[in-house]
Amino acid sequence: MNVFEPKIVGFLCNWCSYEAADSAGRSRSVYPANLLIIRVPCSGRTEPEFVTEAFSGGADGVLILACPPGDCHYKEGNYRGYARYALLKRMLPQFGIREERLHLAWVSAAEREKFLQVVSEMVKTIKRLGPLMKTQADETLLEPFYVTKT
């Protein structure tokens, strides 16, 4: 019997959440191995295209981890990241992707335990939802608009 193990892509802010993940690794903390970490300079640099590419590339879920409000190295980058996240939450259902498959959390560099908790909860959520099944319509919607099928 195959047990579903979700693939989750995580975009982690270099200054806060990536440091929390690194701290978890240094302390040999145990957390689900389902997370593929992509280090970004700031959550505000997580372009919507990165998220749609992650889903079209086989991710079952996407996690964006940002500096807490008021604590961004780039002053307002995390607010820009949140605005893009809010846009994506409204947009993804049009692609047939449930909004629960995308999650944003504020995780500071000192919050190793929170990092572990957020990742574990995301894995539980995606396991409950099951694998992301892409339909032909989903794949067509995720293609660049200038590509035509023959």
N, C-alpha and C. Protein backbone atom coordinates (compact mmCIF):
# COMPACT_ATOMS: atom_id res chain seq x y z
N MET A 1 0.84 -1.17 0.00
CA MET A 1 0.00 0.00 0.00
C MET A 1 0.89 1.25 0.00
N ASN A 2 0.61 2.15 -0.93
CA ASN A 2 1.37 3.40 -1.00
C ASN A 2 0.82 4.42 -0.02
N VAL A 3 1.70 5.02 0.74
CA VAL A 3 1.33 6.08 1.66
C VAL A 3 1.72 7.40 1.00
N PHE A 4 0.77 8.30 0.92
CA PHE A 4 1.02 9.60 0.29
C PHE A 4 1.96 10.44 1.14
N GLU A 5 3.06 10.85 0.56
CA GLU A 5 3.98 11.78 1.20
C GLU A 5 4.02 13.03 0.34
N PRO A 6 3.46 14.12 0.85
CA PRO A 6 3.37 15.33 0.04
C PRO A 6 4.73 15.98 -0.24
N LYS A 7 4.77 16.65 -1.38
CA LYS A 7 5.93 17.46 -1.74
C LYS A 7 5.54 18.91 -1.48
N ILE A 8 6.28 19.56 -0.62
CA ILE A 8 5.99 20.94 -0.26
C ILE A 8 7.22 21.79 -0.57
N VAL A 9 7.00 22.86 -1.31
CA VAL A 9 8.07 23.80 -1.61
C VAL A 9 7.95 24.96 -0.64
N GLY A 10 9.04 25.29 0.01
CA GLY A 10 9.04 26.39 0.97
C GLY A 10 9.96 27.51 0.53
N PHE A 11 9.41 28.71 0.43
CA PHE A 11 10.20 29.90 0.14
C PHE A 11 10.48 30.58 1.47
N LEU A 12 11.74 30.55 1.90
CA LEU A 12 12.12 31.06 3.21
C LEU A 12 12.99 32.29 3.09
N CYS A 13 12.62 33.31 3.84
CA CYS A 13 13.38 34.56 3.91
C CYS A 13 14.78 34.27 4.46
N ASN A 14 15.77 34.79 3.79
CA ASN A 14 17.16 34.59 4.18
C ASN A 14 17.45 35.04 5.60
N TRP A 15 16.85 36.13 6.04
CA TRP A 15 17.23 36.77 7.29
C TRP A 15 16.52 36.21 8.51
N CYS A 16 15.35 35.64 8.34
CA CYS A 16 14.59 35.17 9.51
C CYS A 16 14.27 33.69 9.42
N SER A 17 13.34 33.33 8.57
CA SER A 17 12.85 31.95 8.57
C SER A 17 13.91 30.95 8.12
N TYR A 18 14.79 31.34 7.20
CA TYR A 18 15.86 30.42 6.81
C TYR A 18 16.79 30.17 7.99
N GLU A 19 17.04 31.21 8.76
CA GLU A 19 17.88 31.06 9.96
C GLU A 19 17.20 30.15 10.97
N ALA A 20 15.87 30.25 11.10
CA ALA A 20 15.14 29.36 12.01
C ALA A 20 15.26 27.91 11.54
N ALA A 21 15.18 27.70 10.23
CA ALA A 21 15.34 26.34 9.68
C ALA A 21 16.76 25.84 9.91
N ASP A 22 17.73 26.72 9.71
CA ASP A 22 19.12 26.35 9.93
C ASP A 22 19.36 26.01 11.40
N SER A 23 18.74 26.77 12.28
CA SER A 23 18.85 26.50 13.72
C SER A 23 18.25 25.14 14.06
N ALA A 24 17.13 24.81 13.42
CA ALA A 24 16.52 23.49 13.63
C ALA A 24 17.46 22.38 13.17
N GLY A 25 18.13 22.61 12.06
CA GLY A 25 19.09 21.62 11.57
C GLY A 25 20.29 21.48 12.48
N ARG A 26 20.82 22.61 12.94
CA ARG A 26 21.99 22.58 13.84
C ARG A 26 21.68 21.87 15.15
N SER A 27 20.44 22.01 15.61
CA SER A 27 20.06 21.37 16.88
C SER A 27 19.58 19.94 16.67
N ARG A 28 19.63 19.50 15.43
CA ARG A 28 19.21 18.14 15.06
C ARG A 28 17.74 17.87 15.41
N SER A 29 16.93 18.92 15.27
CA SER A 29 15.49 18.77 15.49
C SER A 29 14.90 17.91 14.40
N VAL A 30 13.89 17.16 14.76
CA VAL A 30 13.23 16.28 13.80
C VAL A 30 11.96 16.96 13.29
N TYR A 31 11.83 17.02 11.98
CA TYR A 31 10.61 17.52 11.36
C TYR A 31 10.44 16.80 10.03
N PRO A 32 9.24 16.83 9.47
CA PRO A 32 8.99 16.08 8.23
C PRO A 32 9.96 16.48 7.12
N ALA A 33 10.40 15.48 6.38
CA ALA A 33 11.35 15.70 5.29
C ALA A 33 10.65 16.09 3.98
N ASN A 34 9.41 16.47 4.06
CA ASN A 34 8.61 16.78 2.88
C ASN A 34 8.90 18.16 2.31
N LEU A 35 9.64 18.98 3.03
CA LEU A 35 9.85 20.38 2.65
C LEU A 35 11.11 20.55 1.83
N LEU A 36 10.96 21.09 0.63
CA LEU A 36 12.09 21.50 -0.19
C LEU A 36 12.26 23.00 0.03
N ILE A 37 13.36 23.37 0.66
CA ILE A 37 13.58 24.78 1.02
C ILE A 37 14.25 25.52 -0.12
N ILE A 38 13.66 26.65 -0.47
CA ILE A 38 14.27 27.58 -1.42
C ILE A 38 14.50 28.88 -0.66
N ARG A 39 15.75 29.26 -0.58
CA ARG A 39 16.15 30.46 0.16
C ARG A 39 15.97 31.68 -0.75
N VAL A 40 15.18 32.62 -0.29
CA VAL A 40 14.98 33.87 -1.04
C VAL A 40 15.52 35.03 -0.20
N PRO A 41 15.98 36.10 -0.83
CA PRO A 41 16.52 37.22 -0.06
C PRO A 41 15.50 37.81 0.90
N CYS A 42 14.23 37.78 0.49
CA CYS A 42 13.15 38.37 1.27
C CYS A 42 11.85 37.74 0.78
N SER A 43 10.87 37.59 1.67
CA SER A 43 9.59 37.04 1.23
C SER A 43 8.95 37.91 0.16
N GLY A 44 9.29 39.19 0.16
CA GLY A 44 8.79 40.10 -0.86
C GLY A 44 9.32 39.79 -2.25
N ARG A 45 10.34 38.95 -2.34
CA ARG A 45 10.89 38.54 -3.63
C ARG A 45 10.30 37.23 -4.11
N THR A 46 9.33 36.69 -3.38
CA THR A 46 8.65 35.47 -3.81
C THR A 46 7.59 35.88 -4.83
N GLU A 47 7.96 35.80 -6.08
CA GLU A 47 7.07 36.20 -7.17
C GLU A 47 5.92 35.20 -7.30
N PRO A 48 4.74 35.66 -7.71
CA PRO A 48 3.63 34.73 -7.94
C PRO A 48 4.00 33.61 -8.92
N GLU A 49 4.85 33.93 -9.89
CA GLU A 49 5.28 32.91 -10.86
C GLU A 49 6.04 31.77 -10.17
N PHE A 50 6.78 32.08 -9.11
CA PHE A 50 7.50 31.03 -8.38
C PHE A 50 6.51 30.02 -7.81
N VAL A 51 5.42 30.53 -7.28
CA VAL A 51 4.41 29.67 -6.65
C VAL A 51 3.70 28.83 -7.71
N THR A 52 3.28 29.46 -8.81
CA THR A 52 2.59 28.68 -9.85
C THR A 52 3.53 27.66 -10.49
N GLU A 53 4.80 28.02 -10.63
CA GLU A 53 5.78 27.06 -11.15
C GLU A 53 5.97 25.88 -10.20
N ALA A 54 5.97 26.15 -8.91
CA ALA A 54 6.10 25.07 -7.93
C ALA A 54 4.94 24.09 -8.07
N PHE A 55 3.72 24.62 -8.16
CA PHE A 55 2.55 23.75 -8.32
C PHE A 55 2.59 23.01 -9.65
N SER A 56 2.90 23.70 -10.73
CA SER A 56 2.91 23.02 -12.03
C SER A 56 4.07 22.03 -12.12
N GLY A 57 5.10 22.22 -11.30
CA GLY A 57 6.23 21.30 -11.27
C GLY A 57 6.04 20.10 -10.38
N GLY A 58 4.88 19.98 -9.73
CA GLY A 58 4.60 18.78 -8.94
C GLY A 58 4.46 18.98 -7.45
N ALA A 59 4.57 20.21 -6.96
CA ALA A 59 4.39 20.44 -5.53
C ALA A 59 2.92 20.23 -5.15
N ASP A 60 2.71 19.63 -4.00
CA ASP A 60 1.36 19.45 -3.46
C ASP A 60 0.97 20.63 -2.58
N GLY A 61 1.96 21.40 -2.13
CA GLY A 61 1.72 22.56 -1.29
C GLY A 61 2.90 23.51 -1.38
N VAL A 62 2.63 24.77 -1.07
CA VAL A 62 3.69 25.79 -1.06
C VAL A 62 3.58 26.57 0.25
N LEU A 63 4.72 26.75 0.87
CA LEU A 63 4.81 27.45 2.15
C LEU A 63 5.72 28.66 1.97
N ILE A 64 5.23 29.82 2.39
CA ILE A 64 6.04 31.04 2.36
C ILE A 64 6.27 31.44 3.82
N LEU A 65 7.54 31.52 4.20
CA LEU A 65 7.87 31.91 5.57
C LEU A 65 8.58 33.25 5.52
N ALA A 66 8.05 34.20 6.28
CA ALA A 66 8.51 35.58 6.22
C ALA A 66 8.89 36.10 7.59
N CYS A 67 9.64 37.20 7.58
CA CYS A 67 9.95 37.91 8.83
C CYS A 67 8.65 38.43 9.44
N PRO A 68 8.57 38.48 10.74
CA PRO A 68 7.37 39.06 11.38
C PRO A 68 7.18 40.51 10.96
N PRO A 69 5.93 40.99 10.93
CA PRO A 69 5.67 42.38 10.57
C PRO A 69 6.50 43.34 11.44
N GLY A 70 7.08 44.34 10.78
CA GLY A 70 7.90 45.31 11.49
C GLY A 70 9.34 44.87 11.71
N ASP A 71 9.69 43.67 11.26
CA ASP A 71 11.03 43.13 11.52
C ASP A 71 11.75 42.74 10.24
N CYS A 72 11.33 43.30 9.10
CA CYS A 72 11.93 42.94 7.81
C CYS A 72 13.26 43.65 7.62
N HIS A 73 14.25 42.90 7.17
CA HIS A 73 15.57 43.46 6.88
C HIS A 73 15.48 44.54 5.81
N TYR A 74 14.51 44.40 4.92
CA TYR A 74 14.31 45.35 3.83
C TYR A 74 13.12 46.29 4.11
N LYS A 75 12.82 46.48 5.34
CA LYS A 75 11.79 47.38 5.87
C LYS A 75 10.37 46.94 5.56
N GLU A 76 9.98 46.87 4.30
CA GLU A 76 8.60 46.55 3.96
C GLU A 76 8.46 45.35 3.03
N GLY A 77 9.52 44.60 2.86
CA GLY A 77 9.48 43.45 1.95
C GLY A 77 8.46 42.41 2.36
N ASN A 78 8.33 42.17 3.68
CA ASN A 78 7.38 41.16 4.13
C ASN A 78 5.94 41.61 3.87
N TYR A 79 5.69 42.91 3.86
CA TYR A 79 4.34 43.39 3.52
C TYR A 79 4.06 43.16 2.04
N ARG A 80 5.06 43.35 1.20
CA ARG A 80 4.92 43.04 -0.23
C ARG A 80 4.67 41.55 -0.41
N GLY A 81 5.40 40.73 0.34
CA GLY A 81 5.19 39.29 0.27
C GLY A 81 3.79 38.90 0.69
N TYR A 82 3.28 39.55 1.73
CA TYR A 82 1.92 39.26 2.17
C TYR A 82 0.90 39.67 1.11
N ALA A 83 1.11 40.80 0.46
CA ALA A 83 0.17 41.26 -0.58
C ALA A 83 0.14 40.26 -1.73
N ARG A 84 1.30 39.72 -2.11
CA ARG A 84 1.34 38.72 -3.19
C ARG A 84 0.67 37.43 -2.74
N TYR A 85 0.88 37.06 -1.50
CA TYR A 85 0.24 35.87 -0.95
C TYR A 85 -1.29 36.02 -1.00
N ALA A 86 -1.80 37.18 -0.59
CA ALA A 86 -3.24 37.42 -0.61
C ALA A 86 -3.78 37.34 -2.04
N LEU A 87 -3.04 37.85 -2.99
CA LEU A 87 -3.43 37.76 -4.39
C LEU A 87 -3.48 36.31 -4.85
N LEU A 88 -2.46 35.56 -4.51
CA LEU A 88 -2.40 34.14 -4.90
C LEU A 88 -3.53 33.33 -4.27
N LYS A 89 -3.89 33.64 -3.03
CA LYS A 89 -4.98 32.91 -2.36
C LYS A 89 -6.29 33.09 -3.13
N ARG A 90 -6.48 34.26 -3.73
CA ARG A 90 -7.69 34.50 -4.52
C ARG A 90 -7.58 33.89 -5.91
N MET A 91 -6.36 33.82 -6.44
CA MET A 91 -6.14 33.37 -7.80
C MET A 91 -6.10 31.84 -7.95
N LEU A 92 -5.51 31.14 -7.00
CA LEU A 92 -5.28 29.70 -7.14
C LEU A 92 -6.55 28.88 -7.37
N PRO A 93 -7.67 29.18 -6.70
CA PRO A 93 -8.88 28.40 -6.97
C PRO A 93 -9.31 28.44 -8.45
N GLN A 94 -8.96 29.49 -9.16
CA GLN A 94 -9.29 29.56 -10.58
C GLN A 94 -8.49 28.54 -11.39
N PHE A 95 -7.39 28.07 -10.81
CA PHE A 95 -6.57 27.03 -11.45
C PHE A 95 -6.95 25.65 -10.94
N GLY A 96 -7.96 25.57 -10.09
CA GLY A 96 -8.35 24.29 -9.52
C GLY A 96 -7.48 23.87 -8.34
N ILE A 97 -6.77 24.82 -7.75
CA ILE A 97 -5.89 24.55 -6.61
C ILE A 97 -6.51 25.15 -5.37
N ARG A 98 -6.82 24.29 -4.39
CA ARG A 98 -7.43 24.78 -3.15
C ARG A 98 -6.49 25.72 -2.43
N GLU A 99 -7.06 26.79 -1.89
CA GLU A 99 -6.23 27.81 -1.24
C GLU A 99 -5.48 27.29 -0.02
N GLU A 100 -5.93 26.19 0.58
CA GLU A 100 -5.22 25.63 1.75
C GLU A 100 -3.86 25.07 1.37
N ARG A 101 -3.62 24.89 0.08
CA ARG A 101 -2.34 24.36 -0.37
C ARG A 101 -1.23 25.42 -0.35
N LEU A 102 -1.61 26.67 -0.10
CA LEU A 102 -0.65 27.76 0.02
C LEU A 102 -0.79 28.35 1.41
N HIS A 103 0.34 28.51 2.09
CA HIS A 103 0.28 29.04 3.45
C HIS A 103 1.45 30.00 3.67
N LEU A 104 1.18 31.09 4.38
CA LEU A 104 2.21 32.04 4.78
C LEU A 104 2.25 32.08 6.30
N ALA A 105 3.45 32.11 6.84
CA ALA A 105 3.61 32.25 8.30
C ALA A 105 4.77 33.19 8.57
N TRP A 106 4.64 33.92 9.68
CA TRP A 106 5.70 34.82 10.13
C TRP A 106 6.59 34.03 11.09
N VAL A 107 7.86 33.85 10.74
CA VAL A 107 8.79 33.08 11.57
C VAL A 107 10.10 33.85 11.67
N SER A 108 10.44 34.27 12.89
CA SER A 108 11.70 35.01 13.07
C SER A 108 12.87 34.03 13.22
N ALA A 109 14.05 34.57 13.17
CA ALA A 109 15.26 33.75 13.27
C ALA A 109 15.33 32.98 14.58
N ALA A 110 14.76 33.54 15.64
CA ALA A 110 14.82 32.92 16.96
C ALA A 110 13.70 31.91 17.20
N GLU A 111 12.84 31.70 16.24
CA GLU A 111 11.66 30.85 16.44
C GLU A 111 11.81 29.47 15.80
N ARG A 112 12.83 28.74 16.21
CA ARG A 112 13.05 27.39 15.70
C ARG A 112 11.83 26.50 15.95
N GLU A 113 11.28 26.56 17.15
CA GLU A 113 10.13 25.72 17.49
C GLU A 113 8.91 26.07 16.63
N LYS A 114 8.72 27.35 16.37
CA LYS A 114 7.61 27.76 15.52
C LYS A 114 7.81 27.23 14.10
N PHE A 115 9.05 27.30 13.60
CA PHE A 115 9.35 26.74 12.29
C PHE A 115 8.95 25.27 12.23
N LEU A 116 9.37 24.51 13.23
CA LEU A 116 9.05 23.08 13.27
C LEU A 116 7.53 22.85 13.29
N GLN A 117 6.83 23.66 14.06
CA GLN A 117 5.38 23.53 14.17
C GLN A 117 4.69 23.86 12.84
N VAL A 118 5.10 24.95 12.20
CA VAL A 118 4.47 25.37 10.93
C VAL A 118 4.68 24.31 9.86
N VAL A 119 5.88 23.77 9.75
CA VAL A 119 6.16 22.74 8.75
C VAL A 119 5.33 21.49 9.04
N SER A 120 5.30 21.06 10.29
CA SER A 120 4.52 19.86 10.64
C SER A 120 3.03 20.05 10.35
N GLU A 121 2.50 21.22 10.67
CA GLU A 121 1.08 21.49 10.40
C GLU A 121 0.79 21.53 8.91
N MET A 122 1.71 22.09 8.13
CA MET A 122 1.52 22.14 6.68
C MET A 122 1.50 20.73 6.10
N VAL A 123 2.40 19.89 6.56
CA VAL A 123 2.44 18.50 6.07
C VAL A 123 1.12 17.80 6.42
N LYS A 124 0.63 17.98 7.64
CA LYS A 124 -0.66 17.37 8.04
C LYS A 124 -1.79 17.85 7.15
N THR A 125 -1.83 19.15 6.89
CA THR A 125 -2.89 19.72 6.05
C THR A 125 -2.85 19.13 4.64
N ILE A 126 -1.67 19.05 4.05
CA ILE A 126 -1.56 18.55 2.68
C ILE A 126 -1.84 17.04 2.64
N LYS A 127 -1.44 16.31 3.67
CA LYS A 127 -1.78 14.88 3.71
C LYS A 127 -3.29 14.69 3.75
N ARG A 128 -3.98 15.55 4.52
CA ARG A 128 -5.43 15.48 4.60
C ARG A 128 -6.07 15.78 3.25
N LEU A 129 -5.52 16.75 2.52
CA LEU A 129 -6.06 17.12 1.22
C LEU A 129 -5.74 16.10 0.13
N GLY A 130 -4.64 15.38 0.32
CA GLY A 130 -4.22 14.40 -0.69
C GLY A 130 -3.38 15.05 -1.77
N PRO A 131 -2.94 14.24 -2.73
CA PRO A 131 -2.07 14.79 -3.78
C PRO A 131 -2.81 15.80 -4.66
N LEU A 132 -2.07 16.74 -5.18
CA LEU A 132 -2.65 17.72 -6.09
C LEU A 132 -2.76 17.04 -7.45
N MET A 133 -3.98 16.83 -7.87
CA MET A 133 -4.21 16.21 -9.17
C MET A 133 -4.39 17.32 -10.19
N LYS A 134 -3.53 17.33 -11.16
CA LYS A 134 -3.63 18.35 -12.19
C LYS A 134 -4.49 17.82 -13.34
N THR A 135 -5.42 18.62 -13.73
CA THR A 135 -6.22 18.28 -14.90
C THR A 135 -5.61 18.95 -16.11
N GLN A 136 -6.06 18.57 -17.27
CA GLN A 136 -5.58 19.22 -18.49
C GLN A 136 -5.86 20.71 -18.43
N ALA A 137 -7.01 21.09 -17.88
CA ALA A 137 -7.35 22.51 -17.77
C ALA A 137 -6.35 23.23 -16.88
N ASP A 138 -5.96 22.61 -15.76
CA ASP A 138 -4.98 23.24 -14.87
C ASP A 138 -3.68 23.51 -15.61
N GLU A 139 -3.19 22.51 -16.34
CA GLU A 139 -1.92 22.68 -17.03
C GLU A 139 -2.00 23.74 -18.10
N THR A 140 -3.13 23.84 -18.77
CA THR A 140 -3.30 24.87 -19.79
C THR A 140 -3.28 26.24 -19.14
N LEU A 141 -3.94 26.39 -18.00
CA LEU A 141 -3.98 27.69 -17.33
C LEU A 141 -2.61 28.13 -16.83
N LEU A 142 -1.77 27.18 -16.49
CA LEU A 142 -0.46 27.52 -15.95
C LEU A 142 0.58 27.81 -17.03
N GLU A 143 0.24 27.55 -18.30
CA GLU A 143 1.17 27.85 -19.38
C GLU A 143 1.20 29.36 -19.62
N PRO A 144 2.32 29.86 -20.09
CA PRO A 144 2.37 31.29 -20.45
C PRO A 144 1.31 31.60 -21.50
N PHE A 145 0.76 32.80 -21.45
CA PHE A 145 -0.34 33.15 -22.33
C PHE A 145 0.06 33.17 -23.80
N TYR A 146 1.33 33.32 -24.09
CA TYR A 146 1.76 33.42 -25.48
C TYR A 146 1.99 32.07 -26.14
N VAL A 147 1.87 30.98 -25.39
CA VAL A 147 2.06 29.65 -25.96
C VAL A 147 0.72 29.18 -26.52
N THR A 148 0.72 28.74 -27.75
CA THR A 148 -0.51 28.22 -28.34
C THR A 148 -0.31 26.75 -28.62
N LYS A 149 -1.39 26.01 -28.46
CA LYS A 149 -1.35 24.57 -28.73
C LYS A 149 -1.81 24.33 -30.15
N THR A 150 -1.21 23.36 -30.80
CA THR A 150 -1.63 23.02 -32.16
C THR A 150 -2.26 21.66 -32.20
